[in-house]
Amino acid sequence: LGVWYSGTVWPDLFVAALMAGLFFWSALQIIGQAVQERRHYHVA
């Protein structure tokens, strides 16, 4: 809809960048939690 309405690719690129940012933020959160859990269980 964004490309059709505006005639440019910028709206779709903006949405894609937001989705990619959310994906990477979520991935970093999951990796951080996994590292913490691994350290906790490794010590115990």
PDB file of N, CA and C in Angstrom:
ATOM      1  N   LEU A   1       0.831  -1.198   0.000  1.00  0.00           N
ATOM      2  CA  LEU A   1       0.000   0.000   0.000  1.00  0.00           C
ATOM      3  C   LEU A   1       0.870   1.255   0.000  1.00  0.00           C
ATOM      4  N   GLY A   2       1.983   1.227   0.759  1.00  0.00           N
ATOM      5  CA  GLY A   2       2.839   2.407   0.843  1.00  0.00           C
ATOM      6  C   GLY A   2       3.441   2.794  -0.490  1.00  0.00           C
ATOM      7  N   VAL A   3       3.939   1.805  -1.237  1.00  0.00           N
ATOM      8  CA  VAL A   3       4.540   2.096  -2.542  1.00  0.00           C
ATOM      9  C   VAL A   3       3.469   2.586  -3.507  1.00  0.00           C
ATOM     10  N   TRP A   4       2.341   1.956  -3.499  1.00  0.00           N
ATOM     11  CA  TRP A   4       1.264   2.346  -4.413  1.00  0.00           C
ATOM     12  C   TRP A   4       0.781   3.764  -4.111  1.00  0.00           C
ATOM     13  N   TYR A   5       0.618   4.085  -2.834  1.00  0.00           N
ATOM     14  CA  TYR A   5       0.082   5.393  -2.451  1.00  0.00           C
ATOM     15  C   TYR A   5       1.096   6.511  -2.668  1.00  0.00           C
ATOM     16  N   SER A   6       2.341   6.277  -2.289  1.00  0.00           N
ATOM     17  CA  SER A   6       3.335   7.352  -2.358  1.00  0.00           C
ATOM     18  C   SER A   6       4.123   7.359  -3.659  1.00  0.00           C
ATOM     19  N   GLY A   7       4.185   6.231  -4.335  1.00  0.00           N
ATOM     20  CA  GLY A   7       4.963   6.150  -5.567  1.00  0.00           C
ATOM     21  C   GLY A   7       6.447   5.942  -5.332  1.00  0.00           C
ATOM     22  N   THR A   8       6.834   5.744  -4.066  1.00  0.00           N
ATOM     23  CA  THR A   8       8.243   5.486  -3.743  1.00  0.00           C
ATOM     24  C   THR A   8       8.339   4.231  -2.885  1.00  0.00           C
ATOM     25  N   VAL A   9       9.555   3.737  -2.738  1.00  0.00           N
ATOM     26  CA  VAL A   9       9.754   2.522  -1.938  1.00  0.00           C
ATOM     27  C   VAL A   9      10.013   2.836  -0.469  1.00  0.00           C
ATOM     28  N   TRP A  10      10.151   4.103  -0.103  1.00  0.00           N
ATOM     29  CA  TRP A  10      10.543   4.467   1.259  1.00  0.00           C
ATOM     30  C   TRP A  10       9.590   3.974   2.342  1.00  0.00           C
ATOM     31  N   PRO A  11       8.273   4.032   2.165  1.00  0.00           N
ATOM     32  CA  PRO A  11       7.410   3.506   3.235  1.00  0.00           C
ATOM     33  C   PRO A  11       7.650   2.018   3.508  1.00  0.00           C
ATOM     34  N   ASP A  12       7.804   1.236   2.452  1.00  0.00           N
ATOM     35  CA  ASP A  12       8.050  -0.190   2.640  1.00  0.00           C
ATOM     36  C   ASP A  12       9.427  -0.442   3.241  1.00  0.00           C
ATOM     37  N   LEU A  13      10.417   0.336   2.840  1.00  0.00           N
ATOM     38  CA  LEU A  13      11.748   0.181   3.425  1.00  0.00           C
ATOM     39  C   LEU A  13      11.739   0.545   4.902  1.00  0.00           C
ATOM     40  N   PHE A  14      10.968   1.545   5.266  1.00  0.00           N
ATOM     41  CA  PHE A  14      10.857   1.933   6.668  1.00  0.00           C
ATOM     42  C   PHE A  14      10.240   0.807   7.492  1.00  0.00           C
ATOM     43  N   VAL A  15       9.168   0.223   7.002  1.00  0.00           N
ATOM     44  CA  VAL A  15       8.520  -0.883   7.708  1.00  0.00           C
ATOM     45  C   VAL A  15       9.458  -2.083   7.784  1.00  0.00           C
ATOM     46  N   ALA A  16      10.165  -2.378   6.711  1.00  0.00           N
ATOM     47  CA  ALA A  16      11.115  -3.491   6.716  1.00  0.00           C
ATOM     48  C   ALA A  16      12.230  -3.247   7.728  1.00  0.00           C
ATOM     49  N   ALA A  17      12.705  -2.017   7.826  1.00  0.00           N
ATOM     50  CA  ALA A  17      13.755  -1.695   8.800  1.00  0.00           C
ATOM     51  C   ALA A  17      13.240  -1.860  10.226  1.00  0.00           C
ATOM     52  N   LEU A  18      12.012  -1.451  10.476  1.00  0.00           N
ATOM     53  CA  LEU A  18      11.427  -1.647  11.808  1.00  0.00           C
ATOM     54  C   LEU A  18      11.319  -3.127  12.151  1.00  0.00           C
ATOM     55  N   MET A  19      10.875  -3.923  11.196  1.00  0.00           N
ATOM     56  CA  MET A  19      10.746  -5.361  11.435  1.00  0.00           C
ATOM     57  C   MET A  19      12.108  -6.005  11.672  1.00  0.00           C
ATOM     58  N   ALA A  20      13.106  -5.606  10.896  1.00  0.00           N
ATOM     59  CA  ALA A  20      14.454  -6.142  11.078  1.00  0.00           C
ATOM     60  C   ALA A  20      15.013  -5.731  12.435  1.00  0.00           C
ATOM     61  N   GLY A  21      14.776  -4.494  12.826  1.00  0.00           N
ATOM     62  CA  GLY A  21      15.234  -4.036  14.135  1.00  0.00           C
ATOM     63  C   GLY A  21      14.586  -4.810  15.265  1.00  0.00           C
ATOM     64  N   LEU A  22      13.300  -5.054  15.160  1.00  0.00           N
ATOM     65  CA  LEU A  22      12.600  -5.845  16.168  1.00  0.00           C
ATOM     66  C   LEU A  22      13.151  -7.261  16.228  1.00  0.00           C
ATOM     67  N   PHE A  23      13.417  -7.851  15.076  1.00  0.00           N
ATOM     68  CA  PHE A  23      13.979  -9.199  15.028  1.00  0.00           C
ATOM     69  C   PHE A  23      15.332  -9.248  15.724  1.00  0.00           C
ATOM     70  N   PHE A  24      16.228  -8.307  15.389  1.00  0.00           N
ATOM     71  CA  PHE A  24      17.564  -8.314  15.984  1.00  0.00           C
ATOM     72  C   PHE A  24      17.515  -8.023  17.476  1.00  0.00           C
ATOM     73  N   TRP A  25      16.642  -7.115  17.904  1.00  0.00           N
ATOM     74  CA  TRP A  25      16.510  -6.822  19.326  1.00  0.00           C
ATOM     75  C   TRP A  25      16.034  -8.068  20.076  1.00  0.00           C
ATOM     76  N   SER A  26      15.048  -8.761  19.519  1.00  0.00           N
ATOM     77  CA  SER A  26      14.543  -9.983  20.142  1.00  0.00           C
ATOM     78  C   SER A  26      15.622 -11.054  20.194  1.00  0.00           C
ATOM     79  N   ALA A  27      16.375 -11.195  19.111  1.00  0.00           N
ATOM     80  CA  ALA A  27      17.443 -12.193  19.075  1.00  0.00           C
ATOM     81  C   ALA A  27      18.495 -11.899  20.135  1.00  0.00           C
ATOM     82  N   LEU A  28      18.867 -10.641  20.297  1.00  0.00           N
ATOM     83  CA  LEU A  28      19.855 -10.286  21.319  1.00  0.00           C
ATOM     84  C   LEU A  28      19.323 -10.554  22.722  1.00  0.00           C
ATOM     85  N   GLN A  29      18.049 -10.298  22.942  1.00  0.00           N
ATOM     86  CA  GLN A  29      17.452 -10.586  24.244  1.00  0.00           C
ATOM     87  C   GLN A  29      17.488 -12.082  24.541  1.00  0.00           C
ATOM     88  N   ILE A  30      17.166 -12.896  23.560  1.00  0.00           N
ATOM     89  CA  ILE A  30      17.157 -14.346  23.737  1.00  0.00           C
ATOM     90  C   ILE A  30      18.565 -14.863  23.983  1.00  0.00           C
ATOM     91  N   ILE A  31      19.530 -14.370  23.213  1.00  0.00           N
ATOM     92  CA  ILE A  31      20.918 -14.797  23.396  1.00  0.00           C
ATOM     93  C   ILE A  31      21.414 -14.387  24.777  1.00  0.00           C
ATOM     94  N   GLY A  32      21.114 -13.177  25.199  1.00  0.00           N
ATOM     95  CA  GLY A  32      21.521 -12.721  26.525  1.00  0.00           C
ATOM     96  C   GLY A  32      20.927 -13.573  27.630  1.00  0.00           C
ATOM     97  N   GLN A  33      19.674 -13.925  27.503  1.00  0.00           N
ATOM     98  CA  GLN A  33      19.031 -14.773  28.500  1.00  0.00           C
ATOM     99  C   GLN A  33      19.646 -16.164  28.504  1.00  0.00           C
ATOM    100  N   ALA A  34      19.950 -16.703  27.334  1.00  0.00           N
ATOM    101  CA  ALA A  34      20.564 -18.028  27.247  1.00  0.00           C
ATOM    102  C   ALA A  34      21.947 -18.031  27.888  1.00  0.00           C
ATOM    103  N   VAL A  35      22.718 -16.975  27.675  1.00  0.00           N
ATOM    104  CA  VAL A  35      24.051 -16.884  28.281  1.00  0.00           C
ATOM    105  C   VAL A  35      23.930 -16.832  29.796  1.00  0.00           C
ATOM    106  N   GLN A  36      22.992 -16.045  30.306  1.00  0.00           N
ATOM    107  CA  GLN A  36      22.794 -15.968  31.755  1.00  0.00           C
ATOM    108  C   GLN A  36      22.392 -17.320  32.327  1.00  0.00           C
ATOM    109  N   GLU A  37      21.475 -18.008  31.678  1.00  0.00           N
ATOM    110  CA  GLU A  37      21.040 -19.312  32.165  1.00  0.00           C
ATOM    111  C   GLU A  37      22.172 -20.324  32.106  1.00  0.00           C
ATOM    112  N   ARG A  38      22.974 -20.266  31.071  1.00  0.00           N
ATOM    113  CA  ARG A  38      24.098 -21.201  30.950  1.00  0.00           C
ATOM    114  C   ARG A  38      25.104 -20.965  32.068  1.00  0.00           C
ATOM    115  N   ARG A  39      25.398 -19.701  32.369  1.00  0.00           N
ATOM    116  CA  ARG A  39      26.323 -19.392  33.468  1.00  0.00           C
ATOM    117  C   ARG A  39      25.759 -19.858  34.801  1.00  0.00           C
ATOM    118  N   HIS A  40      24.469 -19.652  35.003  1.00  0.00           N
ATOM    119  CA  HIS A  40      23.839 -20.042  36.260  1.00  0.00           C
ATOM    120  C   HIS A  40      23.914 -21.555  36.459  1.00  0.00           C
ATOM    121  N   TYR A  41      23.574 -22.322  35.450  1.00  0.00           N
ATOM    122  CA  TYR A  41      23.570 -23.775  35.586  1.00  0.00           C
ATOM    123  C   TYR A  41      24.971 -24.361  35.531  1.00  0.00           C
ATOM    124  N   HIS A  42      25.906 -23.662  34.910  1.00  0.00           N
ATOM    125  CA  HIS A  42      27.285 -24.150  34.843  1.00  0.00           C
ATOM    126  C   HIS A  42      27.942 -24.068  36.217  1.00  0.00           C
ATOM    127  N   VAL A  43      27.619 -23.031  36.986  1.00  0.00           N
ATOM    128  CA  VAL A  43      28.210 -22.845  38.312  1.00  0.00           C
ATOM    129  C   VAL A  43      27.606 -23.823  39.294  1.00  0.00           C
ATOM    130  N   ALA A  44      26.318 -24.076  39.207  1.00  0.00           N
ATOM    131  CA  ALA A  44      25.614 -24.906  40.180  1.00  0.00           C
ATOM    132  C   ALA A  44      25.936 -26.363  40.076  1.00  0.00           C
TER     133      ALA A  44
END
